[in-house]
């Protein structure tokens, strides 16, 4: 029987929505990449650009094993919003993001 993979529960800021369990290594890789590409100051980064920027910040091996980088990026991004590490830039459309911590 295969060894159980360690997982992380990614919460979502949407009321009434359940979180999603993902592999811890994927969470760690995506969190690191998001923190690398999202600035702390200024106008932040456009949400629509985030998956491509994150993909470029991942290693080739991580990309090969990740699956849908876009899906995992959105999942981890929502979790980082709930933990206060990311914030949406207020009053800006389309959505832009900044790092908080």
PDB file of N, CA and C in Angstrom:
ATOM      1  N   UNK A   1       0.849  -1.185   0.000  1.00  0.00           N
ATOM      2  CA  UNK A   1       0.000   0.000   0.000  1.00  0.00           C
ATOM      3  C   UNK A   1       0.892   1.244   0.000  1.00  0.00           C
ATOM      4  N   UNK A   2       0.592   2.277  -0.858  1.00  0.00           N
ATOM      5  CA  UNK A   2       1.421   3.471  -0.921  1.00  0.00           C
ATOM      6  C   UNK A   2       1.336   4.281   0.376  1.00  0.00           C
ATOM      7  N   UNK A   3       2.449   4.963   0.661  1.00  0.00           N
ATOM      8  CA  UNK A   3       2.510   5.813   1.845  1.00  0.00           C
ATOM      9  C   UNK A   3       1.567   7.011   1.659  1.00  0.00           C
ATOM     10  N   UNK A   4       0.872   7.367   2.736  1.00  0.00           N
ATOM     11  CA  UNK A   4      -0.063   8.505   2.695  1.00  0.00           C
ATOM     12  C   UNK A   4       0.719   9.810   2.533  1.00  0.00           C
ATOM     13  N   UNK A   5       0.323  10.633   1.574  1.00  0.00           N
ATOM     14  CA  UNK A   5       0.968  11.902   1.317  1.00  0.00           C
ATOM     15  C   UNK A   5       0.438  12.959   2.294  1.00  0.00           C
ATOM     16  N   UNK A   6       1.357  13.775   2.837  1.00  0.00           N
ATOM     17  CA  UNK A   6       0.944  14.852   3.747  1.00  0.00           C
ATOM     18  C   UNK A   6       0.179  15.899   2.951  1.00  0.00           C
ATOM     19  N   UNK A   7      -0.925  16.391   3.537  1.00  0.00           N
ATOM     20  CA  UNK A   7      -1.786  17.356   2.837  1.00  0.00           C
ATOM     21  C   UNK A   7      -2.025  18.591   3.689  1.00  0.00           C
ATOM     22  N   UNK A   8      -2.436  19.667   3.025  1.00  0.00           N
ATOM     23  CA  UNK A   8      -2.765  20.942   3.663  1.00  0.00           C
ATOM     24  C   UNK A   8      -4.195  21.294   3.272  1.00  0.00           C
ATOM     25  N   UNK A   9      -4.978  21.768   4.234  1.00  0.00           N
ATOM     26  CA  UNK A   9      -6.337  22.221   3.946  1.00  0.00           C
ATOM     27  C   UNK A   9      -6.288  23.694   3.575  1.00  0.00           C
ATOM     28  N   UNK A  10      -6.622  24.005   2.329  1.00  0.00           N
ATOM     29  CA  UNK A  10      -6.638  25.385   1.844  1.00  0.00           C
ATOM     30  C   UNK A  10      -8.051  25.937   2.007  1.00  0.00           C
ATOM     31  N   UNK A  11      -8.180  26.905   2.906  1.00  0.00           N
ATOM     32  CA  UNK A  11      -9.475  27.541   3.157  1.00  0.00           C
ATOM     33  C   UNK A  11      -9.787  28.523   2.034  1.00  0.00           C
ATOM     34  N   UNK A  12     -11.039  28.931   1.967  1.00  0.00           N
ATOM     35  CA  UNK A  12     -11.474  29.923   0.990  1.00  0.00           C
ATOM     36  C   UNK A  12     -12.220  31.032   1.724  1.00  0.00           C
ATOM     37  N   UNK A  13     -12.092  32.276   1.259  1.00  0.00           N
ATOM     38  CA  UNK A  13     -12.788  33.367   1.944  1.00  0.00           C
ATOM     39  C   UNK A  13     -14.296  33.400   1.668  1.00  0.00           C
ATOM     40  N   UNK A  14     -14.775  32.608   0.738  1.00  0.00           N
ATOM     41  CA  UNK A  14     -16.207  32.598   0.402  1.00  0.00           C
ATOM     42  C   UNK A  14     -16.998  31.964   1.551  1.00  0.00           C
ATOM     43  N   UNK A  15     -18.007  32.683   2.072  1.00  0.00           N
ATOM     44  CA  UNK A  15     -18.804  32.134   3.175  1.00  0.00           C
ATOM     45  C   UNK A  15     -19.515  30.838   2.768  1.00  0.00           C
ATOM     46  N   UNK A  16     -19.480  29.860   3.682  1.00  0.00           N
ATOM     47  CA  UNK A  16     -20.181  28.605   3.447  1.00  0.00           C
ATOM     48  C   UNK A  16     -19.454  27.614   2.557  1.00  0.00           C
ATOM     49  N   UNK A  17     -18.323  27.994   2.005  1.00  0.00           N
ATOM     50  CA  UNK A  17     -17.560  27.089   1.127  1.00  0.00           C
ATOM     51  C   UNK A  17     -16.557  26.294   1.956  1.00  0.00           C
ATOM     52  N   UNK A  18     -16.429  25.016   1.629  1.00  0.00           N
ATOM     53  CA  UNK A  18     -15.458  24.169   2.307  1.00  0.00           C
ATOM     54  C   UNK A  18     -14.092  24.350   1.657  1.00  0.00           C
ATOM     55  N   UNK A  19     -13.056  24.097   2.429  1.00  0.00           N
ATOM     56  CA  UNK A  19     -11.700  24.175   1.904  1.00  0.00           C
ATOM     57  C   UNK A  19     -11.376  22.974   1.032  1.00  0.00           C
ATOM     58  N   UNK A  20     -10.192  22.988   0.470  1.00  0.00           N
ATOM     59  CA  UNK A  20      -9.723  21.928  -0.416  1.00  0.00           C
ATOM     60  C   UNK A  20      -8.397  21.398   0.094  1.00  0.00           C
ATOM     61  N   UNK A  21      -8.281  20.080   0.197  1.00  0.00           N
ATOM     62  CA  UNK A  21      -7.028  19.452   0.608  1.00  0.00           C
ATOM     63  C   UNK A  21      -6.122  19.287  -0.605  1.00  0.00           C
ATOM     64  N   UNK A  22      -4.864  19.753  -0.478  1.00  0.00           N
ATOM     65  CA  UNK A  22      -3.879  19.541  -1.541  1.00  0.00           C
ATOM     66  C   UNK A  22      -2.585  19.027  -0.910  1.00  0.00           C
ATOM     67  N   UNK A  23      -1.759  18.413  -1.725  1.00  0.00           N
ATOM     68  CA  UNK A  23      -0.474  17.898  -1.246  1.00  0.00           C
ATOM     69  C   UNK A  23       0.361  19.041  -0.678  1.00  0.00           C
ATOM     70  N   UNK A  24       1.001  18.779   0.463  1.00  0.00           N
ATOM     71  CA  UNK A  24       1.783  19.820   1.135  1.00  0.00           C
ATOM     72  C   UNK A  24       2.907  20.351   0.246  1.00  0.00           C
ATOM     73  N   UNK A  25       3.565  19.485  -0.515  1.00  0.00           N
ATOM     74  CA  UNK A  25       4.660  19.962  -1.358  1.00  0.00           C
ATOM     75  C   UNK A  25       4.149  20.930  -2.424  1.00  0.00           C
ATOM     76  N   UNK A  26       2.920  20.681  -2.923  1.00  0.00           N
ATOM     77  CA  UNK A  26       2.341  21.592  -3.914  1.00  0.00           C
ATOM     78  C   UNK A  26       2.014  22.928  -3.259  1.00  0.00           C
ATOM     79  N   UNK A  27       1.405  22.867  -2.065  1.00  0.00           N
ATOM     80  CA  UNK A  27       1.095  24.095  -1.325  1.00  0.00           C
ATOM     81  C   UNK A  27       2.368  24.903  -1.080  1.00  0.00           C
ATOM     82  N   UNK A  28       3.407  24.247  -0.582  1.00  0.00           N
ATOM     83  CA  UNK A  28       4.660  24.944  -0.275  1.00  0.00           C
ATOM     84  C   UNK A  28       5.271  25.577  -1.530  1.00  0.00           C
ATOM     85  N   UNK A  29       5.287  24.846  -2.640  1.00  0.00           N
ATOM     86  CA  UNK A  29       5.855  25.358  -3.889  1.00  0.00           C
ATOM     87  C   UNK A  29       5.052  26.544  -4.413  1.00  0.00           C
ATOM     88  N   UNK A  30       3.723  26.422  -4.371  1.00  0.00           N
ATOM     89  CA  UNK A  30       2.873  27.506  -4.872  1.00  0.00           C
ATOM     90  C   UNK A  30       2.946  28.734  -3.972  1.00  0.00           C
ATOM     91  N   UNK A  31       2.943  28.533  -2.660  1.00  0.00           N
ATOM     92  CA  UNK A  31       3.031  29.662  -1.725  1.00  0.00           C
ATOM     93  C   UNK A  31       4.327  30.425  -1.956  1.00  0.00           C
ATOM     94  N   UNK A  32       5.431  29.703  -2.079  1.00  0.00           N
ATOM     95  CA  UNK A  32       6.732  30.331  -2.326  1.00  0.00           C
ATOM     96  C   UNK A  32       6.718  31.113  -3.642  1.00  0.00           C
ATOM     97  N   UNK A  33       6.171  30.514  -4.696  1.00  0.00           N
ATOM     98  CA  UNK A  33       6.121  31.173  -6.007  1.00  0.00           C
ATOM     99  C   UNK A  33       5.224  32.412  -5.981  1.00  0.00           C
ATOM    100  N   UNK A  34       4.070  32.307  -5.321  1.00  0.00           N
ATOM    101  CA  UNK A  34       3.157  33.454  -5.234  1.00  0.00           C
ATOM    102  C   UNK A  34       3.830  34.588  -4.475  1.00  0.00           C
ATOM    103  N   UNK A  35       4.466  34.269  -3.357  1.00  0.00           N
ATOM    104  CA  UNK A  35       5.143  35.306  -2.569  1.00  0.00           C
ATOM    105  C   UNK A  35       6.286  35.947  -3.372  1.00  0.00           C
ATOM    106  N   UNK A  36       6.885  35.186  -4.263  1.00  0.00           N
ATOM    107  CA  UNK A  36       7.978  35.712  -5.093  1.00  0.00           C
ATOM    108  C   UNK A  36       7.461  36.708  -6.138  1.00  0.00           C
ATOM    109  N   UNK A  37       6.290  36.444  -6.720  1.00  0.00           N
ATOM    110  CA  UNK A  37       5.825  37.264  -7.852  1.00  0.00           C
ATOM    111  C   UNK A  37       4.846  38.375  -7.460  1.00  0.00           C
ATOM    112  N   UNK A  38       4.281  38.319  -6.245  1.00  0.00           N
ATOM    113  CA  UNK A  38       3.329  39.351  -5.826  1.00  0.00           C
ATOM    114  C   UNK A  38       4.065  40.366  -4.950  1.00  0.00           C
ATOM    115  N   UNK A  39       4.056  41.648  -5.361  1.00  0.00           N
ATOM    116  CA  UNK A  39       4.776  42.665  -4.588  1.00  0.00           C
ATOM    117  C   UNK A  39       4.024  43.082  -3.315  1.00  0.00           C
ATOM    118  N   UNK A  40       4.750  43.697  -2.396  1.00  0.00           N
ATOM    119  CA  UNK A  40       4.145  44.217  -1.165  1.00  0.00           C
ATOM    120  C   UNK A  40       3.568  45.610  -1.363  1.00  0.00           C
ATOM    121  N   UNK A  41       4.110  46.346  -2.287  1.00  0.00           N
ATOM    122  CA  UNK A  41       3.719  47.756  -2.439  1.00  0.00           C
ATOM    123  C   UNK A  41       3.116  48.013  -3.815  1.00  0.00           C
ATOM    124  N   UNK A  42       2.642  49.253  -3.959  1.00  0.00           N
ATOM    125  CA  UNK A  42       2.157  49.691  -5.256  1.00  0.00           C
ATOM    126  C   UNK A  42       0.843  49.055  -5.651  1.00  0.00           C
ATOM    127  N   UNK A  43       0.647  48.954  -6.949  1.00  0.00           N
ATOM    128  CA  UNK A  43      -0.610  48.460  -7.483  1.00  0.00           C
ATOM    129  C   UNK A  43      -0.759  46.960  -7.480  1.00  0.00           C
ATOM    130  N   UNK A  44       0.245  46.250  -6.987  1.00  0.00           N
ATOM    131  CA  UNK A  44       0.155  44.796  -6.920  1.00  0.00           C
ATOM    132  C   UNK A  44       0.287  44.157  -8.287  1.00  0.00           C
ATOM    133  N   UNK A  45      -0.236  42.954  -8.394  1.00  0.00           N
ATOM    134  CA  UNK A  45      -0.180  42.195  -9.643  1.00  0.00           C
ATOM    135  C   UNK A  45      -1.610  41.837 -10.045  1.00  0.00           C
ATOM    136  N   UNK A  46      -1.887  41.871 -11.329  1.00  0.00           N
ATOM    137  CA  UNK A  46      -3.226  41.526 -11.818  1.00  0.00           C
ATOM    138  C   UNK A  46      -3.481  40.037 -11.613  1.00  0.00           C
ATOM    139  N   UNK A  47      -4.654  39.711 -11.092  1.00  0.00           N
ATOM    140  CA  UNK A  47      -5.026  38.314 -10.863  1.00  0.00           C
ATOM    141  C   UNK A  47      -4.918  37.499 -12.142  1.00  0.00           C
ATOM    142  N   UNK A  48      -5.328  38.072 -13.265  1.00  0.00           N
ATOM    143  CA  UNK A  48      -5.296  37.335 -14.527  1.00  0.00           C
ATOM    144  C   UNK A  48      -3.873  36.968 -14.950  1.00  0.00           C
ATOM    145  N   UNK A  49      -2.868  37.701 -14.467  1.00  0.00           N
ATOM    146  CA  UNK A  49      -1.467  37.412 -14.798  1.00  0.00           C
ATOM    147  C   UNK A  49      -0.828  36.423 -13.828  1.00  0.00           C
ATOM    148  N   UNK A  50      -1.472  36.207 -12.685  1.00  0.00           N
ATOM    149  CA  UNK A  50      -0.864  35.412 -11.617  1.00  0.00           C
ATOM    150  C   UNK A  50      -0.476  33.991 -12.027  1.00  0.00           C
ATOM    151  N   UNK A  51      -1.351  33.195 -12.652  1.00  0.00           N
ATOM    152  CA  UNK A  51      -0.951  31.821 -12.987  1.00  0.00           C
ATOM    153  C   UNK A  51       0.302  31.746 -13.872  1.00  0.00           C
ATOM    154  N   UNK A  52       0.405  32.617 -14.850  1.00  0.00           N
ATOM    155  CA  UNK A  52       1.570  32.605 -15.735  1.00  0.00           C
ATOM    156  C   UNK A  52       2.837  33.007 -14.975  1.00  0.00           C
ATOM    157  N   UNK A  53       2.721  34.028 -14.115  1.00  0.00           N
ATOM    158  CA  UNK A  53       3.869  34.459 -13.316  1.00  0.00           C
ATOM    159  C   UNK A  53       4.313  33.349 -12.363  1.00  0.00           C
ATOM    160  N   UNK A  54       3.347  32.698 -11.733  1.00  0.00           N
ATOM    161  CA  UNK A  54       3.645  31.604 -10.796  1.00  0.00           C
ATOM    162  C   UNK A  54       4.297  30.447 -11.540  1.00  0.00           C
ATOM    163  N   UNK A  55       3.772  30.102 -12.694  1.00  0.00           N
ATOM    164  CA  UNK A  55       4.353  29.004 -13.476  1.00  0.00           C
ATOM    165  C   UNK A  55       5.815  29.276 -13.778  1.00  0.00           C
ATOM    166  N   UNK A  56       6.131  30.531 -14.105  1.00  0.00           N
ATOM    167  CA  UNK A  56       7.518  30.902 -14.383  1.00  0.00           C
ATOM    168  C   UNK A  56       8.410  30.845 -13.152  1.00  0.00           C
ATOM    169  N   UNK A  57       7.822  30.940 -11.956  1.00  0.00           N
ATOM    170  CA  UNK A  57       8.601  30.906 -10.710  1.00  0.00           C
ATOM    171  C   UNK A  57       8.790  29.485 -10.180  1.00  0.00           C
ATOM    172  N   UNK A  58       8.094  28.520 -10.758  1.00  0.00           N
ATOM    173  CA  UNK A  58       8.240  27.122 -10.344  1.00  0.00           C
ATOM    174  C   UNK A  58       9.398  26.483 -11.097  1.00  0.00           C
ATOM    175  N   UNK A  59       9.980  25.458 -10.497  1.00  0.00           N
ATOM    176  CA  UNK A  59      11.035  24.727 -11.202  1.00  0.00           C
ATOM    177  C   UNK A  59      10.393  23.848 -12.275  1.00  0.00           C
ATOM    178  N   UNK A  60      11.209  23.389 -13.199  1.00  0.00           N
ATOM    179  CA  UNK A  60      10.709  22.505 -14.257  1.00  0.00           C
ATOM    180  C   UNK A  60      10.117  21.229 -13.655  1.00  0.00           C
ATOM    181  N   UNK A  61      10.782  20.697 -12.639  1.00  0.00           N
ATOM    182  CA  UNK A  61      10.293  19.481 -11.979  1.00  0.00           C
ATOM    183  C   UNK A  61       8.955  19.727 -11.284  1.00  0.00           C
ATOM    184  N   UNK A  62       8.813  20.870 -10.624  1.00  0.00           N
ATOM    185  CA  UNK A  62       7.545  21.201  -9.958  1.00  0.00           C
ATOM    186  C   UNK A  62       6.420  21.318 -10.983  1.00  0.00           C
ATOM    187  N   UNK A  63       6.695  22.011 -12.087  1.00  0.00           N
ATOM    188  CA  UNK A  63       5.674  22.162 -13.139  1.00  0.00           C
ATOM    189  C   UNK A  63       5.263  20.804 -13.699  1.00  0.00           C
ATOM    190  N   UNK A  64       6.230  19.924 -13.885  1.00  0.00           N
ATOM    191  CA  UNK A  64       5.950  18.607 -14.465  1.00  0.00           C
ATOM    192  C   UNK A  64       5.050  17.763 -13.557  1.00  0.00           C
ATOM    193  N   UNK A  65       5.174  17.915 -12.249  1.00  0.00           N
ATOM    194  CA  UNK A  65       4.414  17.115 -11.289  1.00  0.00           C
ATOM    195  C   UNK A  65       3.157  17.807 -10.765  1.00  0.00           C
ATOM    196  N   UNK A  66       3.011  19.091 -11.029  1.00  0.00           N
ATOM    197  CA  UNK A  66       1.962  19.905 -10.400  1.00  0.00           C
ATOM    198  C   UNK A  66       0.553  19.554 -10.869  1.00  0.00           C
ATOM    199  N   UNK A  67       0.363  19.304 -12.136  1.00  0.00           N
ATOM    200  CA  UNK A  67      -0.991  19.210 -12.661  1.00  0.00           C
ATOM    201  C   UNK A  67      -1.378  20.589 -13.165  1.00  0.00           C
ATOM    202  N   UNK A  68      -2.601  21.011 -12.905  1.00  0.00           N
ATOM    203  CA  UNK A  68      -3.078  22.315 -13.384  1.00  0.00           C
ATOM    204  C   UNK A  68      -2.528  23.444 -12.515  1.00  0.00           C
ATOM    205  N   UNK A  69      -1.497  24.130 -13.017  1.00  0.00           N
ATOM    206  CA  UNK A  69      -0.892  25.231 -12.268  1.00  0.00           C
ATOM    207  C   UNK A  69      -1.942  26.303 -11.990  1.00  0.00           C
ATOM    208  N   UNK A  70      -2.817  26.571 -12.960  1.00  0.00           N
ATOM    209  CA  UNK A  70      -3.843  27.598 -12.762  1.00  0.00           C
ATOM    210  C   UNK A  70      -4.753  27.229 -11.584  1.00  0.00           C
ATOM    211  N   UNK A  71      -5.243  25.990 -11.558  1.00  0.00           N
ATOM    212  CA  UNK A  71      -6.157  25.571 -10.494  1.00  0.00           C
ATOM    213  C   UNK A  71      -5.487  25.655  -9.129  1.00  0.00           C
ATOM    214  N   UNK A  72      -4.278  25.133  -9.022  1.00  0.00           N
ATOM    215  CA  UNK A  72      -3.566  25.167  -7.743  1.00  0.00           C
ATOM    216  C   UNK A  72      -3.211  26.595  -7.336  1.00  0.00           C
ATOM    217  N   UNK A  73      -2.866  27.452  -8.300  1.00  0.00           N
ATOM    218  CA  UNK A  73      -2.557  28.840  -7.990  1.00  0.00           C
ATOM    219  C   UNK A  73      -3.769  29.521  -7.371  1.00  0.00           C
ATOM    220  N   UNK A  74      -4.935  29.347  -7.958  1.00  0.00           N
ATOM    221  CA  UNK A  74      -6.161  29.964  -7.428  1.00  0.00           C
ATOM    222  C   UNK A  74      -6.479  29.415  -6.036  1.00  0.00           C
ATOM    223  N   UNK A  75      -6.329  28.113  -5.848  1.00  0.00           N
ATOM    224  CA  UNK A  75      -6.611  27.489  -4.551  1.00  0.00           C
ATOM    225  C   UNK A  75      -5.707  28.048  -3.455  1.00  0.00           C
ATOM    226  N   UNK A  76      -4.406  28.127  -3.728  1.00  0.00           N
ATOM    227  CA  UNK A  76      -3.463  28.640  -2.727  1.00  0.00           C
ATOM    228  C   UNK A  76      -3.639  30.146  -2.549  1.00  0.00           C
ATOM    229  N   UNK A  77      -3.917  30.872  -3.614  1.00  0.00           N
ATOM    230  CA  UNK A  77      -4.155  32.320  -3.530  1.00  0.00           C
ATOM    231  C   UNK A  77      -5.327  32.611  -2.593  1.00  0.00           C
ATOM    232  N   UNK A  78      -6.424  31.873  -2.739  1.00  0.00           N
ATOM    233  CA  UNK A  78      -7.586  32.069  -1.859  1.00  0.00           C
ATOM    234  C   UNK A  78      -7.217  31.778  -0.410  1.00  0.00           C
ATOM    235  N   UNK A  79      -6.444  30.725  -0.192  1.00  0.00           N
ATOM    236  CA  UNK A  79      -6.019  30.397   1.168  1.00  0.00           C
ATOM    237  C   UNK A  79      -5.148  31.510   1.749  1.00  0.00           C
ATOM    238  N   UNK A  80      -4.234  32.040   0.962  1.00  0.00           N
ATOM    239  CA  UNK A  80      -3.363  33.115   1.441  1.00  0.00           C
ATOM    240  C   UNK A  80      -4.155  34.389   1.748  1.00  0.00           C
ATOM    241  N   UNK A  81      -5.263  34.581   1.075  1.00  0.00           N
ATOM    242  CA  UNK A  81      -6.151  35.698   1.426  1.00  0.00           C
ATOM    243  C   UNK A  81      -6.785  35.454   2.797  1.00  0.00           C
ATOM    244  N   UNK A  82      -7.201  34.223   3.068  1.00  0.00           N
ATOM    245  CA  UNK A  82      -7.855  33.932   4.355  1.00  0.00           C
ATOM    246  C   UNK A  82      -6.871  34.023   5.515  1.00  0.00           C
ATOM    247  N   UNK A  83      -5.583  33.752   5.267  1.00  0.00           N
ATOM    248  CA  UNK A  83      -4.588  33.818   6.337  1.00  0.00           C
ATOM    249  C   UNK A  83      -3.987  35.211   6.483  1.00  0.00           C
ATOM    250  N   UNK A  84      -4.369  36.135   5.586  1.00  0.00           N
ATOM    251  CA  UNK A  84      -3.873  37.502   5.677  1.00  0.00           C
ATOM    252  C   UNK A  84      -2.527  37.732   5.033  1.00  0.00           C
ATOM    253  N   UNK A  85      -2.029  36.769   4.263  1.00  0.00           N
ATOM    254  CA  UNK A  85      -0.748  36.955   3.574  1.00  0.00           C
ATOM    255  C   UNK A  85      -0.897  37.739   2.280  1.00  0.00           C
ATOM    256  N   UNK A  86      -2.086  37.662   1.669  1.00  0.00           N
ATOM    257  CA  UNK A  86      -2.390  38.415   0.447  1.00  0.00           C
ATOM    258  C   UNK A  86      -3.626  39.252   0.682  1.00  0.00           C
ATOM    259  N   UNK A  87      -3.701  40.369  -0.040  1.00  0.00           N
ATOM    260  CA  UNK A  87      -4.914  41.180  -0.011  1.00  0.00           C
ATOM    261  C   UNK A  87      -5.237  41.632  -1.424  1.00  0.00           C
ATOM    262  N   UNK A  88      -6.521  41.836  -1.650  1.00  0.00           N
ATOM    263  CA  UNK A  88      -6.951  42.409  -2.918  1.00  0.00           C
ATOM    264  C   UNK A  88      -6.813  43.925  -2.798  1.00  0.00           C
ATOM    265  N   UNK A  89      -6.268  44.549  -3.829  1.00  0.00           N
ATOM    266  CA  UNK A  89      -6.128  46.004  -3.821  1.00  0.00           C
ATOM    267  C   UNK A  89      -7.530  46.594  -3.905  1.00  0.00           C
ATOM    268  N   UNK A  90      -7.888  47.399  -2.920  1.00  0.00           N
ATOM    269  CA  UNK A  90      -9.242  47.952  -2.823  1.00  0.00           C
ATOM    270  C   UNK A  90      -9.544  48.922  -3.961  1.00  0.00           C
ATOM    271  N   UNK A  91     -10.779  48.857  -4.446  1.00  0.00           N
ATOM    272  CA  UNK A  91     -11.265  49.805  -5.435  1.00  0.00           C
ATOM    273  C   UNK A  91     -10.704  49.642  -6.826  1.00  0.00           C
ATOM    274  N   UNK A  92     -10.092  48.521  -7.114  1.00  0.00           N
ATOM    275  CA  UNK A  92      -9.463  48.305  -8.418  1.00  0.00           C
ATOM    276  C   UNK A  92     -10.142  47.139  -9.123  1.00  0.00           C
ATOM    277  N   UNK A  93     -10.506  47.370 -10.384  1.00  0.00           N
ATOM    278  CA  UNK A  93     -11.066  46.320 -11.216  1.00  0.00           C
ATOM    279  C   UNK A  93     -10.303  46.343 -12.530  1.00  0.00           C
ATOM    280  N   UNK A  94      -9.894  45.195 -13.058  1.00  0.00           N
ATOM    281  CA  UNK A  94     -10.024  43.851 -12.510  1.00  0.00           C
ATOM    282  C   UNK A  94      -9.137  43.654 -11.274  1.00  0.00           C
ATOM    283  N   UNK A  95      -9.355  42.547 -10.592  1.00  0.00           N
ATOM    284  CA  UNK A  95      -8.710  42.239  -9.324  1.00  0.00           C
ATOM    285  C   UNK A  95      -7.180  42.287  -9.420  1.00  0.00           C
ATOM    286  N   UNK A  96      -6.588  42.948  -8.424  1.00  0.00           N
ATOM    287  CA  UNK A  96      -5.133  42.995  -8.262  1.00  0.00           C
ATOM    288  C   UNK A  96      -4.800  42.572  -6.843  1.00  0.00           C
ATOM    289  N   UNK A  97      -3.611  41.985  -6.672  1.00  0.00           N
ATOM    290  CA  UNK A  97      -3.207  41.428  -5.383  1.00  0.00           C
ATOM    291  C   UNK A  97      -1.874  42.008  -4.909  1.00  0.00           C
ATOM    292  N   UNK A  98      -1.768  42.112  -3.573  1.00  0.00           N
ATOM    293  CA  UNK A  98      -0.528  42.535  -2.917  1.00  0.00           C
ATOM    294  C   UNK A  98      -0.235  41.597  -1.755  1.00  0.00           C
ATOM    295  N   UNK A  99       1.044  41.437  -1.434  1.00  0.00           N
ATOM    296  CA  UNK A  99       1.429  40.691  -0.238  1.00  0.00           C
ATOM    297  C   UNK A  99       1.242  41.579   0.982  1.00  0.00           C
ATOM    298  N   UNK A 100       0.842  40.986   2.082  1.00  0.00           N
ATOM    299  CA  UNK A 100       0.669  41.744   3.317  1.00  0.00           C
ATOM    300  C   UNK A 100       1.794  41.425   4.283  1.00  0.00           C
ATOM    301  N   UNK A 101       2.041  40.138   4.528  1.00  0.00           N
ATOM    302  CA  UNK A 101       3.081  39.725   5.489  1.00  0.00           C
ATOM    303  C   UNK A 101       4.351  39.381   4.757  1.00  0.00           C
TER     304      UNK A 101
END
